[in-house]
PDB file of N, CA and C in Angstrom:
ATOM      1  N   MET A   1       0.817  -1.196   0.000  1.00  0.00           N
ATOM      2  CA  MET A   1       0.000   0.000   0.000  1.00  0.00           C
ATOM      3  C   MET A   1       0.859   1.258   0.000  1.00  0.00           C
ATOM      4  N   PHE A   2       1.924   1.282   0.831  1.00  0.00           N
ATOM      5  CA  PHE A   2       2.766   2.464   0.938  1.00  0.00           C
ATOM      6  C   PHE A   2       4.089   2.313   0.199  1.00  0.00           C
ATOM      7  N   GLU A   3       4.236   1.308  -0.626  1.00  0.00           N
ATOM      8  CA  GLU A   3       5.499   1.072  -1.326  1.00  0.00           C
ATOM      9  C   GLU A   3       5.911   2.258  -2.180  1.00  0.00           C
ATOM     10  N   TYR A   4       4.966   2.931  -2.830  1.00  0.00           N
ATOM     11  CA  TYR A   4       5.316   4.046  -3.696  1.00  0.00           C
ATOM     12  C   TYR A   4       5.846   5.233  -2.892  1.00  0.00           C
ATOM     13  N   GLY A   5       5.401   5.374  -1.650  1.00  0.00           N
ATOM     14  CA  GLY A   5       5.821   6.502  -0.826  1.00  0.00           C
ATOM     15  C   GLY A   5       7.224   6.373  -0.257  1.00  0.00           C
ATOM     16  N   LYS A   6       7.836   5.201  -0.364  1.00  0.00           N
ATOM     17  CA  LYS A   6       9.182   5.018   0.178  1.00  0.00           C
ATOM     18  C   LYS A   6      10.204   5.674  -0.744  1.00  0.00           C
ATOM     19  N   PRO A   7      11.031   6.599  -0.233  1.00  0.00           N
ATOM     20  CA  PRO A   7      12.043   7.232  -1.084  1.00  0.00           C
ATOM     21  C   PRO A   7      13.207   6.296  -1.402  1.00  0.00           C
ATOM     22  N   PHE A   8      13.513   5.348  -0.511  1.00  0.00           N
ATOM     23  CA  PHE A   8      14.588   4.387  -0.759  1.00  0.00           C
ATOM     24  C   PHE A   8      14.408   3.182   0.155  1.00  0.00           C
ATOM     25  N   GLU A   9      15.130   2.118  -0.162  1.00  0.00           N
ATOM     26  CA  GLU A   9      15.111   0.895   0.632  1.00  0.00           C
ATOM     27  C   GLU A   9      16.531   0.612   1.108  1.00  0.00           C
ATOM     28  N   LEU A  10      16.723   0.552   2.430  1.00  0.00           N
ATOM     29  CA  LEU A  10      18.043   0.236   2.975  1.00  0.00           C
ATOM     30  C   LEU A  10      18.383  -1.211   2.665  1.00  0.00           C
ATOM     31  N   ARG A  11      19.592  -1.437   2.187  1.00  0.00           N
ATOM     32  CA  ARG A  11      20.038  -2.782   1.841  1.00  0.00           C
ATOM     33  C   ARG A  11      21.028  -3.314   2.877  1.00  0.00           C
ATOM     34  N   LYS A  12      22.033  -2.503   3.242  1.00  0.00           N
ATOM     35  CA  LYS A  12      23.079  -2.967   4.152  1.00  0.00           C
ATOM     36  C   LYS A  12      23.689  -1.770   4.866  1.00  0.00           C
ATOM     37  N   ILE A  13      23.962  -1.932   6.164  1.00  0.00           N
ATOM     38  CA  ILE A  13      24.637  -0.899   6.949  1.00  0.00           C
ATOM     39  C   ILE A  13      25.778  -1.568   7.706  1.00  0.00           C
ATOM     40  N   THR A  14      26.989  -1.018   7.557  1.00  0.00           N
ATOM     41  CA  THR A  14      28.161  -1.502   8.277  1.00  0.00           C
ATOM     42  C   THR A  14      28.704  -0.348   9.106  1.00  0.00           C
ATOM     43  N   VAL A  15      29.003  -0.612  10.374  1.00  0.00           N
ATOM     44  CA  VAL A  15      29.519   0.420  11.274  1.00  0.00           C
ATOM     45  C   VAL A  15      30.951   0.069  11.639  1.00  0.00           C
ATOM     46  N   GLN A  16      31.857   1.042  11.463  1.00  0.00           N
ATOM     47  CA  GLN A  16      33.271   0.853  11.816  1.00  0.00           C
ATOM     48  C   GLN A  16      33.599   1.805  12.962  1.00  0.00           C
ATOM     49  N   THR A  17      34.122   1.257  14.061  1.00  0.00           N
ATOM     50  CA  THR A  17      34.469   2.064  15.226  1.00  0.00           C
ATOM     51  C   THR A  17      35.791   1.588  15.808  1.00  0.00           C
ATOM     52  N   LYS A  18      36.329   2.378  16.717  1.00  0.00           N
ATOM     53  CA  LYS A  18      37.508   1.950  17.471  1.00  0.00           C
ATOM     54  C   LYS A  18      37.091   1.306  18.785  1.00  0.00           C
ATOM     55  N   GLU A  19      35.886   1.662  19.279  1.00  0.00           N
ATOM     56  CA  GLU A  19      35.372   1.087  20.513  1.00  0.00           C
ATOM     57  C   GLU A  19      34.761  -0.282  20.233  1.00  0.00           C
ATOM     58  N   VAL A  20      34.591  -1.079  21.284  1.00  0.00           N
ATOM     59  CA  VAL A  20      33.970  -2.393  21.163  1.00  0.00           C
ATOM     60  C   VAL A  20      32.511  -2.263  21.589  1.00  0.00           C
ATOM     61  N   ALA A  21      31.599  -2.798  20.766  1.00  0.00           N
ATOM     62  CA  ALA A  21      30.173  -2.782  21.087  1.00  0.00           C
ATOM     63  C   ALA A  21      29.631  -4.200  20.968  1.00  0.00           C
ATOM     64  N   ASP A  22      28.778  -4.590  21.919  1.00  0.00           N
ATOM     65  CA  ASP A  22      28.201  -5.933  21.902  1.00  0.00           C
ATOM     66  C   ASP A  22      27.198  -6.106  20.769  1.00  0.00           C
ATOM     67  N   SER A  23      26.382  -5.098  20.529  1.00  0.00           N
ATOM     68  CA  SER A  23      25.366  -5.181  19.481  1.00  0.00           C
ATOM     69  C   SER A  23      24.982  -3.771  19.055  1.00  0.00           C
ATOM     70  N   MET A  24      24.149  -3.680  18.021  1.00  0.00           N
ATOM     71  CA  MET A  24      23.685  -2.370  17.555  1.00  0.00           C
ATOM     72  C   MET A  24      22.851  -1.675  18.625  1.00  0.00           C
ATOM     73  N   ASN A  25      22.199  -2.441  19.509  1.00  0.00           N
ATOM     74  CA  ASN A  25      21.388  -1.842  20.567  1.00  0.00           C
ATOM     75  C   ASN A  25      22.250  -1.129  21.599  1.00  0.00           C
ATOM     76  N   ASN A  26      23.478  -1.577  21.793  1.00  0.00           N
ATOM     77  CA  ASN A  26      24.384  -0.986  22.777  1.00  0.00           C
ATOM     78  C   ASN A  26      25.363  -0.009  22.147  1.00  0.00           C
ATOM     79  N   LEU A  27      25.101   0.423  20.941  1.00  0.00           N
ATOM     80  CA  LEU A  27      26.025   1.266  20.194  1.00  0.00           C
ATOM     81  C   LEU A  27      25.857   2.726  20.611  1.00  0.00           C
ATOM     82  N   LYS A  28      26.647   3.184  21.557  1.00  0.00           N
ATOM     83  CA  LYS A  28      26.635   4.574  22.005  1.00  0.00           C
ATOM     84  C   LYS A  28      28.055   5.097  21.866  1.00  0.00           C
ATOM     85  N   LEU A  29      28.476   5.309  20.641  1.00  0.00           N
ATOM     86  CA  LEU A  29      29.859   5.630  20.350  1.00  0.00           C
ATOM     87  C   LEU A  29      30.024   7.096  20.003  1.00  0.00           C
ATOM     88  N   GLY A  30      31.191   7.631  20.301  1.00  0.00           N
ATOM     89  CA  GLY A  30      31.480   9.006  19.944  1.00  0.00           C
ATOM     90  C   GLY A  30      31.864   9.154  18.491  1.00  0.00           C
ATOM     91  N   ASN A  31      32.743   8.302  18.009  1.00  0.00           N
ATOM     92  CA  ASN A  31      33.230   8.380  16.631  1.00  0.00           C
ATOM     93  C   ASN A  31      32.908   7.077  15.912  1.00  0.00           C
ATOM     94  N   ALA A  32      32.362   7.204  14.705  1.00  0.00           N
ATOM     95  CA  ALA A  32      32.005   6.013  13.932  1.00  0.00           C
ATOM     96  C   ALA A  32      31.916   6.375  12.458  1.00  0.00           C
ATOM     97  N   VAL A  33      32.127   5.374  11.607  1.00  0.00           N
ATOM     98  CA  VAL A  33      31.943   5.527  10.166  1.00  0.00           C
ATOM     99  C   VAL A  33      30.866   4.528   9.756  1.00  0.00           C
ATOM    100  N   PHE A  34      29.824   5.012   9.081  1.00  0.00           N
ATOM    101  CA  PHE A  34      28.709   4.185   8.632  1.00  0.00           C
ATOM    102  C   PHE A  34      28.799   4.027   7.122  1.00  0.00           C
ATOM    103  N   TYR A  35      28.865   2.791   6.656  1.00  0.00           N
ATOM    104  CA  TYR A  35      28.845   2.483   5.224  1.00  0.00           C
ATOM    105  C   TYR A  35      27.441   1.972   4.910  1.00  0.00           C
ATOM    106  N   ILE A  36      26.729   2.676   4.034  1.00  0.00           N
ATOM    107  CA  ILE A  36      25.325   2.386   3.774  1.00  0.00           C
ATOM    108  C   ILE A  36      25.124   2.064   2.300  1.00  0.00           C
ATOM    109  N   THR A  37      24.393   0.992   2.025  1.00  0.00           N
ATOM    110  CA  THR A  37      23.986   0.647   0.665  1.00  0.00           C
ATOM    111  C   THR A  37      22.464   0.698   0.631  1.00  0.00           C
ATOM    112  N   PHE A  38      21.905   1.399  -0.362  1.00  0.00           N
ATOM    113  CA  PHE A  38      20.454   1.513  -0.459  1.00  0.00           C
ATOM    114  C   PHE A  38      20.023   1.532  -1.917  1.00  0.00           C
ATOM    115  N   ARG A  39      18.740   1.231  -2.135  1.00  0.00           N
ATOM    116  CA  ARG A  39      18.178   1.241  -3.479  1.00  0.00           C
ATOM    117  C   ARG A  39      17.119   2.340  -3.544  1.00  0.00           C
ATOM    118  N   THR A  40      17.192   3.167  -4.588  1.00  0.00           N
ATOM    119  CA  THR A  40      16.231   4.255  -4.758  1.00  0.00           C
ATOM    120  C   THR A  40      14.906   3.713  -5.274  1.00  0.00           C
ATOM    121  N   ARG A  41      13.917   4.568  -5.307  1.00  0.00           N
ATOM    122  CA  ARG A  41      12.605   4.193  -5.809  1.00  0.00           C
ATOM    123  C   ARG A  41      12.674   3.728  -7.261  1.00  0.00           C
ATOM    124  N   CYS A  42      13.635   4.260  -8.026  1.00  0.00           N
ATOM    125  CA  CYS A  42      13.801   3.889  -9.440  1.00  0.00           C
ATOM    126  C   CYS A  42      14.574   2.588  -9.617  1.00  0.00           C
ATOM    127  N   GLY A  43      15.096   2.008  -8.530  1.00  0.00           N
ATOM    128  CA  GLY A  43      15.818   0.747  -8.619  1.00  0.00           C
ATOM    129  C   GLY A  43      17.328   0.877  -8.696  1.00  0.00           C
ATOM    130  N   VAL A  44      17.850   2.101  -8.630  1.00  0.00           N
ATOM    131  CA  VAL A  44      19.293   2.322  -8.686  1.00  0.00           C
ATOM    132  C   VAL A  44      19.895   2.017  -7.313  1.00  0.00           C
ATOM    133  N   VAL A  45      20.958   1.214  -7.278  1.00  0.00           N
ATOM    134  CA  VAL A  45      21.645   0.889  -6.028  1.00  0.00           C
ATOM    135  C   VAL A  45      22.745   1.922  -5.795  1.00  0.00           C
ATOM    136  N   CYS A  46      22.723   2.549  -4.624  1.00  0.00           N
ATOM    137  CA  CYS A  46      23.686   3.606  -4.276  1.00  0.00           C
ATOM    138  C   CYS A  46      24.424   3.220  -3.001  1.00  0.00           C
ATOM    139  N   LYS A  47      25.608   3.805  -2.839  1.00  0.00           N
ATOM    140  CA  LYS A  47      26.411   3.601  -1.633  1.00  0.00           C
ATOM    141  C   LYS A  47      26.718   4.955  -1.025  1.00  0.00           C
ATOM    142  N   GLY A  48      26.733   5.010   0.307  1.00  0.00           N
ATOM    143  CA  GLY A  48      27.042   6.252   0.997  1.00  0.00           C
ATOM    144  C   GLY A  48      27.943   5.994   2.187  1.00  0.00           C
ATOM    145  N   ILE A  49      28.707   7.007   2.552  1.00  0.00           N
ATOM    146  CA  ILE A  49      29.585   6.939   3.720  1.00  0.00           C
ATOM    147  C   ILE A  49      29.267   8.140   4.596  1.00  0.00           C
ATOM    148  N   ILE A  50      28.985   7.884   5.869  1.00  0.00           N
ATOM    149  CA  ILE A  50      28.715   8.958   6.824  1.00  0.00           C
ATOM    150  C   ILE A  50      29.700   8.805   7.968  1.00  0.00           C
ATOM    151  N   ARG A  51      30.441   9.862   8.263  1.00  0.00           N
ATOM    152  CA  ARG A  51      31.415   9.851   9.358  1.00  0.00           C
ATOM    153  C   ARG A  51      30.856  10.716  10.488  1.00  0.00           C
ATOM    154  N   ARG A  52      30.768  10.118  11.671  1.00  0.00           N
ATOM    155  CA  ARG A  52      30.274  10.840  12.842  1.00  0.00           C
ATOM    156  C   ARG A  52      31.434  11.028  13.805  1.00  0.00           C
ATOM    157  N   THR A  53      31.685  12.265  14.199  1.00  0.00           N
ATOM    158  CA  THR A  53      32.759  12.545  15.153  1.00  0.00           C
ATOM    159  C   THR A  53      32.229  13.422  16.277  1.00  0.00           C
ATOM    160  N   ARG A  54      32.751  13.169  17.466  1.00  0.00           N
ATOM    161  CA  ARG A  54      32.413  13.985  18.635  1.00  0.00           C
ATOM    162  C   ARG A  54      33.719  14.386  19.306  1.00  0.00           C
ATOM    163  N   ASP A  55      33.712  15.564  19.887  1.00  0.00           N
ATOM    164  CA  ASP A  55      34.924  16.044  20.545  1.00  0.00           C
ATOM    165  C   ASP A  55      34.858  15.906  22.064  1.00  0.00           C
ATOM    166  N   GLY A  56      33.820  15.246  22.583  1.00  0.00           N
ATOM    167  CA  GLY A  56      33.713  15.033  24.014  1.00  0.00           C
ATOM    168  C   GLY A  56      32.918  16.098  24.738  1.00  0.00           C
ATOM    169  N   ARG A  57      32.633  17.193  24.085  1.00  0.00           N
ATOM    170  CA  ARG A  57      31.843  18.251  24.705  1.00  0.00           C
ATOM    171  C   ARG A  57      30.360  18.004  24.421  1.00  0.00           C
ATOM    172  N   PRO A  58      29.503  18.184  25.414  1.00  0.00           N
ATOM    173  CA  PRO A  58      28.070  17.950  25.200  1.00  0.00           C
ATOM    174  C   PRO A  58      27.534  18.804  24.050  1.00  0.00           C
ATOM    175  N   GLU A  59      26.660  18.225  23.279  1.00  0.00           N
ATOM    176  CA  GLU A  59      25.972  18.890  22.172  1.00  0.00           C
ATOM    177  C   GLU A  59      26.888  19.250  21.008  1.00  0.00           C
ATOM    178  N   HIS A  60      28.124  18.766  20.993  1.00  0.00           N
ATOM    179  CA  HIS A  60      29.013  18.976  19.843  1.00  0.00           C
ATOM    180  C   HIS A  60      29.050  17.689  19.034  1.00  0.00           C
ATOM    181  N   LEU A  61      28.612  17.766  17.791  1.00  0.00           N
ATOM    182  CA  LEU A  61      28.562  16.609  16.911  1.00  0.00           C
ATOM    183  C   LEU A  61      28.849  17.079  15.501  1.00  0.00           C
ATOM    184  N   SER A  62      29.657  16.318  14.781  1.00  0.00           N
ATOM    185  CA  SER A  62      29.982  16.645  13.394  1.00  0.00           C
ATOM    186  C   SER A  62      29.647  15.448  12.516  1.00  0.00           C
ATOM    187  N   LEU A  63      28.920  15.691  11.426  1.00  0.00           N
ATOM    188  CA  LEU A  63      28.594  14.645  10.461  1.00  0.00           C
ATOM    189  C   LEU A  63      29.173  15.028   9.113  1.00  0.00           C
ATOM    190  N   GLU A  64      29.826  14.078   8.452  1.00  0.00           N
ATOM    191  CA  GLU A  64      30.321  14.264   7.085  1.00  0.00           C
ATOM    192  C   GLU A  64      29.701  13.168   6.238  1.00  0.00           C
ATOM    193  N   ALA A  65      29.248  13.515   5.059  1.00  0.00           N
ATOM    194  CA  ALA A  65      28.624  12.518   4.174  1.00  0.00           C
ATOM    195  C   ALA A  65      29.246  12.585   2.791  1.00  0.00           C
ATOM    196  N   LYS A  66      29.398  11.421   2.167  1.00  0.00           N
ATOM    197  CA  LYS A  66      29.896  11.327   0.789  1.00  0.00           C
ATOM    198  C   LYS A  66      28.939  10.480   0.000  1.00  0.00           C
TER     199      LYS A  66
END
């Protein structure tokens, strides 16, 4: 019913960190790189990289995307 309204479909997400995490539910990391593969509504498969960095100060967060 809502398939047409979806802008994309997530295919795969890989998280790279220096810290050790037991699972995605316990993932509370300051610095991480997310590798994302998704398919657009038109069927094109795309890849993205998002880098999240924190400097340790509350409310300071930096995101970079490619």
